[in-house]
Amino acid sequence: MNASDRTPADLLRSALAADPARPLVTFYDDATGERVELSVATFANWVAKTANLLQGDLAAEPGDRLALLLPAHWQSAVWLLACSEVGVVADVRGDPASADLVVTGPDTLERARACRGERMALALRPMGGRFPQPPEGFSDYAVEVPGQGDRFAPYAPVDPDAPALSVGGVGLTAAQLVARAREDAAESGLTPGSRLLTGRTYDTWEGLSAGLFAPLASGASVVLCRHLERLDEHALATRIESERVTGTAV
């Protein structure tokens, strides 16, 4: 990746320029049997659409705080990068009552109602499906995002030294996040073409790093597994082999 990259959005642009067709995120939900694979180009398209939704329809501005109440999921990864594109602080599992806007999954809708700003809900159904019945007081992400533009341009440049992420008591600027992701990638031996399988949750830096940022910073890819504990030893070994996994963080 480019040494000049100082935000997660920079890392994604470099990945897109280097090899848009390679896999970036392969997601499994072992409670539903879902598998989704997103190339760099497909992932970047979702990020652009989500960033346009965030900046346009939700009127988010650099420095706004977004309470991200989502599990480890490919759509959570999209939202993290969309926040970086706009300059919004992603407050993972943060307090909705003190946030400017909230993005929630189906299991945290009641908690998310404490937010007095814009509220976006994700059904987290296979193939990015919408809610059968939209939750009252929320916009349905699966309804709102498809019509957004495929390219994104921020209204204002994103400051790499401004706050970008808060998770588990750790606060990082965009530049600090990139530097730490690079350090983690080096410690884990991630290089271009590596495939890291992780079952860690997204509510700690370690989970976010393994599940998105370290692979992105190193030209690697991630096999992100939700409910991985449901697999027995044989099933896990089969997945590691079939996905050509080179390292694990479980």
Protein backbone atom coordinates (compact mmCIF):
# COMPACT_ATOMS: atom_id res chain seq x y z
CA MET A 1 0.00 0.00 0.00
CA ASN A 2 1.07 3.62 -0.36
CA ALA A 3 3.20 5.02 2.45
CA SER A 4 1.39 8.34 2.03
CA ASP A 5 -2.00 6.89 2.99
CA ARG A 6 -3.19 8.54 6.21
CA THR A 7 -6.86 7.61 6.45
CA PRO A 8 -8.76 4.33 6.00
CA ALA A 9 -10.38 5.92 2.95
CA ASP A 10 -6.88 6.44 1.50
CA LEU A 11 -6.11 2.76 2.09
CA LEU A 12 -9.24 1.74 0.22
CA ARG A 13 -8.40 3.98 -2.73
CA SER A 14 -4.92 2.47 -2.91
CA ALA A 15 -6.36 -1.04 -2.80
CA LEU A 16 -8.77 -0.13 -5.58
CA ALA A 17 -5.97 1.23 -7.74
CA ALA A 18 -3.74 -1.80 -7.13
CA ASP A 19 -6.17 -4.67 -7.83
CA PRO A 20 -9.90 -3.94 -7.85
CA ALA A 21 -10.87 -7.54 -8.66
CA ARG A 22 -9.20 -9.27 -5.72
CA PRO A 23 -11.30 -10.39 -2.73
CA LEU A 24 -11.26 -8.00 0.23
CA VAL A 25 -13.99 -9.23 2.59
CA THR A 26 -15.45 -12.75 2.65
CA PHE A 27 -18.24 -12.90 5.22
CA TYR A 28 -19.80 -15.94 6.87
CA ASP A 29 -22.74 -16.04 9.27
CA ASP A 30 -22.71 -19.51 10.78
CA ALA A 31 -26.14 -19.00 12.32
CA THR A 32 -27.81 -18.54 8.92
CA GLY A 33 -25.42 -20.23 6.49
CA GLU A 34 -24.83 -16.95 4.65
CA ARG A 35 -21.62 -16.42 2.66
CA VAL A 36 -20.83 -13.17 0.86
CA GLU A 37 -17.62 -12.32 -0.95
CA LEU A 38 -16.83 -8.73 -1.86
CA SER A 39 -14.01 -7.74 -4.16
CA VAL A 40 -12.21 -4.47 -3.55
CA ALA A 41 -14.30 -2.87 -6.31
CA THR A 42 -17.62 -4.14 -4.95
CA PHE A 43 -16.75 -3.15 -1.40
CA ALA A 44 -15.66 0.32 -2.57
CA ASN A 45 -18.95 0.74 -4.42
CA TRP A 46 -20.92 -0.03 -1.25
CA VAL A 47 -18.73 2.42 0.64
CA ALA A 48 -19.32 5.17 -1.93
CA LYS A 49 -23.08 4.68 -1.85
CA THR A 50 -23.11 4.64 1.95
CA ALA A 51 -20.90 7.73 2.18
CA ASN A 52 -23.26 9.57 -0.19
CA LEU A 53 -26.19 8.52 2.01
CA LEU A 54 -24.33 9.64 5.12
CA GLN A 55 -23.26 13.02 3.74
CA GLY A 56 -26.39 13.74 1.72
CA ASP A 57 -29.59 12.27 3.12
CA LEU A 58 -28.36 12.11 6.73
CA ALA A 59 -26.59 15.50 6.53
CA ALA A 60 -23.54 14.25 8.46
CA GLU A 61 -20.53 16.53 8.66
CA PRO A 62 -16.86 16.03 9.59
CA GLY A 63 -16.56 15.70 13.35
CA ASP A 64 -20.10 14.39 13.86
CA ARG A 65 -20.29 11.30 16.08
CA LEU A 66 -22.07 8.21 14.79
CA ALA A 67 -23.02 5.49 17.28
CA LEU A 68 -22.39 2.26 15.38
CA LEU A 69 -24.45 -0.51 16.98
CA LEU A 70 -23.61 -3.34 14.62
CA PRO A 71 -21.94 -6.75 15.01
CA ALA A 72 -18.98 -8.02 13.03
CA HIS A 73 -20.54 -8.03 9.56
CA TRP A 74 -19.61 -6.98 6.05
CA GLN A 75 -22.08 -4.10 6.21
CA SER A 76 -20.47 -2.90 9.44
CA ALA A 77 -17.14 -2.78 7.59
CA VAL A 78 -18.81 -0.70 4.87
CA TRP A 79 -20.10 1.79 7.43
CA LEU A 80 -16.69 2.13 9.08
CA LEU A 81 -15.12 3.10 5.75
CA ALA A 82 -18.04 5.37 4.84
CA CYS A 83 -17.47 7.27 8.09
CA SER A 84 -13.83 7.67 7.11
CA GLU A 85 -14.81 9.04 3.70
CA VAL A 86 -17.00 11.75 5.26
CA GLY A 87 -14.85 12.48 8.33
CA VAL A 88 -17.47 11.23 10.79
CA VAL A 89 -16.29 9.66 14.06
CA ALA A 90 -17.38 6.02 14.23
CA ASP A 91 -18.22 5.38 17.89
CA VAL A 92 -18.49 1.60 17.98
CA ARG A 93 -21.10 0.47 20.52
CA GLY A 94 -21.22 4.10 21.66
CA ASP A 95 -24.02 5.84 23.54
CA PRO A 96 -26.77 6.81 21.07
CA ALA A 97 -28.06 9.50 23.44
CA SER A 98 -24.84 11.49 23.02
CA ALA A 99 -24.37 10.78 19.30
CA ASP A 100 -25.37 12.95 16.36
CA LEU A 101 -26.78 9.93 14.53
CA VAL A 102 -27.05 6.20 15.02
CA VAL A 103 -26.73 3.11 12.83
CA THR A 104 -28.16 -0.04 14.36
CA GLY A 105 -28.88 -3.67 13.68
CA PRO A 106 -32.17 -5.40 14.52
CA ASP A 107 -31.07 -6.44 18.01
CA THR A 108 -30.33 -2.94 19.29
CA LEU A 109 -33.27 -0.94 17.96
CA GLU A 110 -34.60 -0.03 21.39
CA ARG A 111 -31.22 1.21 22.57
CA ALA A 112 -30.81 3.21 19.36
CA ARG A 113 -34.05 5.12 19.99
CA ALA A 114 -32.16 7.25 22.53
CA CYS A 115 -30.52 9.10 19.63
CA ARG A 116 -32.24 12.41 18.87
CA GLY A 117 -30.60 12.68 15.46
CA GLU A 118 -30.97 10.59 12.31
CA ARG A 119 -31.52 6.87 12.84
CA MET A 120 -30.59 4.22 10.29
CA ALA A 121 -31.42 0.52 10.76
CA LEU A 122 -29.95 -2.53 9.04
CA ALA A 123 -31.83 -5.82 8.91
CA LEU A 124 -28.54 -7.72 8.40
CA ARG A 125 -30.42 -10.23 6.26
CA PRO A 126 -28.68 -12.31 3.56
CA MET A 127 -27.82 -10.37 0.40
CA GLY A 128 -28.36 -7.08 2.21
CA GLY A 129 -32.12 -7.59 2.37
CA ARG A 130 -34.52 -5.06 3.87
CA PHE A 131 -36.77 -5.36 6.92
CA PRO A 132 -40.09 -7.12 6.20
CA GLN A 133 -41.69 -4.27 8.15
CA PRO A 134 -39.62 -1.07 8.52
CA PRO A 135 -39.00 -0.30 12.23
CA GLU A 136 -40.87 2.79 13.37
CA GLY A 137 -38.66 5.84 13.73
CA PHE A 138 -35.85 4.47 11.55
CA SER A 139 -34.84 4.60 7.89
CA ASP A 140 -34.15 1.19 6.34
CA TYR A 141 -30.61 1.11 4.96
CA ALA A 142 -31.49 -1.52 2.36
CA VAL A 143 -34.21 0.78 1.00
CA GLU A 144 -32.18 3.99 1.07
CA VAL A 145 -28.75 2.95 -0.18
CA PRO A 146 -29.36 1.41 -3.64
CA GLY A 147 -30.26 4.73 -5.28
CA GLN A 148 -27.17 6.54 -4.01
CA GLY A 149 -24.33 7.52 -6.33
CA ASP A 150 -21.54 5.09 -7.16
CA ARG A 151 -18.85 7.74 -6.70
CA PHE A 152 -18.25 9.88 -3.65
CA ALA A 153 -16.66 13.29 -3.18
CA PRO A 154 -16.60 14.86 0.31
CA TYR A 155 -17.89 18.38 0.73
CA ALA A 156 -14.78 19.15 2.81
CA PRO A 157 -11.36 17.44 2.94
CA VAL A 158 -10.99 14.90 5.73
CA ASP A 159 -8.35 15.82 8.31
CA PRO A 160 -6.15 12.77 9.05
CA ASP A 161 -5.37 14.19 12.48
CA ALA A 162 -9.01 14.58 13.51
CA PRO A 163 -10.78 11.94 15.64
CA ALA A 164 -11.97 9.02 13.50
CA LEU A 165 -12.75 6.03 15.71
CA SER A 166 -13.77 5.23 19.25
CA VAL A 167 -13.97 1.60 20.38
CA GLY A 168 -13.63 -0.08 23.75
CA GLY A 169 -12.26 3.03 25.40
CA VAL A 170 -9.69 3.59 22.64
CA GLY A 171 -9.89 6.80 20.61
CA LEU A 172 -7.89 7.19 17.40
CA THR A 173 -7.43 9.79 14.73
CA ALA A 174 -7.50 8.56 11.15
CA ALA A 175 -3.70 8.74 10.91
CA GLN A 176 -3.26 6.88 14.21
CA LEU A 177 -5.71 4.23 13.04
CA VAL A 178 -3.75 3.65 9.83
CA ALA A 179 -0.43 3.52 11.67
CA ARG A 180 -1.76 1.06 14.23
CA ALA A 181 -3.33 -1.12 11.52
CA ARG A 182 0.02 -1.27 9.73
CA GLU A 183 1.76 -2.27 12.97
CA ASP A 184 -0.80 -5.01 13.60
CA ALA A 185 -0.44 -6.27 10.03
CA ALA A 186 3.33 -6.50 10.40
CA GLU A 187 3.04 -8.31 13.74
CA SER A 188 0.58 -10.78 12.20
CA GLY A 189 2.77 -11.34 9.13
CA LEU A 190 0.14 -10.04 6.73
CA THR A 191 1.40 -9.28 3.24
CA PRO A 192 -0.32 -8.76 -0.12
CA GLY A 193 -2.29 -11.92 -0.87
CA SER A 194 -2.58 -13.08 2.74
CA ARG A 195 -5.97 -14.39 3.87
CA LEU A 196 -6.79 -13.82 7.55
CA LEU A 197 -9.73 -15.69 9.10
CA THR A 198 -11.19 -14.09 12.21
CA GLY A 199 -14.11 -14.78 14.51
CA ARG A 200 -13.46 -11.77 16.74
CA THR A 201 -16.23 -9.31 17.43
CA TYR A 202 -16.14 -5.67 16.34
CA ASP A 203 -16.42 -4.18 19.85
CA THR A 204 -12.64 -4.01 20.47
CA TRP A 205 -9.75 -2.55 18.51
CA GLU A 206 -8.30 -6.06 18.15
CA GLY A 207 -11.51 -7.27 16.53
CA LEU A 208 -11.73 -4.29 14.18
CA SER A 209 -8.08 -4.56 13.24
CA ALA A 210 -8.20 -8.26 12.42
CA GLY A 211 -11.63 -7.99 10.84
CA LEU A 212 -10.91 -5.06 8.54
CA PHE A 213 -8.15 -2.53 9.10
CA ALA A 214 -4.97 -4.68 9.24
CA PRO A 215 -5.85 -6.65 6.08
CA LEU A 216 -6.80 -3.41 4.30
CA ALA A 217 -3.52 -1.76 5.34
CA SER A 218 -1.40 -4.63 4.03
CA GLY A 219 -3.05 -5.63 0.77
CA ALA A 220 -4.42 -8.77 2.41
CA SER A 221 -8.02 -9.95 2.68
CA VAL A 222 -10.22 -11.08 5.55
CA VAL A 223 -12.54 -14.04 6.05
CA LEU A 224 -14.90 -12.49 8.60
CA CYS A 225 -16.92 -15.08 10.51
CA ARG A 226 -19.91 -14.32 12.71
CA HIS A 227 -21.03 -17.07 15.12
CA LEU A 228 -17.83 -18.99 14.39
CA GLU A 229 -18.28 -20.86 17.69
CA ARG A 230 -21.00 -22.92 15.96
CA LEU A 231 -18.40 -24.70 13.84
CA ASP A 232 -16.77 -27.85 15.08
CA GLU A 233 -13.07 -28.48 14.58
CA HIS A 234 -13.54 -30.35 11.30
CA ALA A 235 -15.82 -27.69 9.80
CA LEU A 236 -13.36 -24.96 10.74
CA ALA A 237 -10.47 -26.86 9.18
CA THR A 238 -12.52 -27.34 6.02
CA ARG A 239 -13.22 -23.62 5.80
CA ILE A 240 -9.57 -22.73 6.34
CA GLU A 241 -8.62 -25.02 3.48
CA SER A 242 -11.40 -23.98 1.09
CA GLU A 243 -10.81 -20.25 1.66
CA ARG A 244 -7.03 -20.60 1.31
CA VAL A 245 -6.54 -19.04 4.74
CA THR A 246 -2.95 -18.16 5.65
CA GLY A 247 -3.55 -17.02 9.22
CA THR A 248 -6.23 -16.98 11.91
CA ALA A 249 -7.40 -14.68 14.72
CA VAL A 250 -10.07 -16.61 16.59
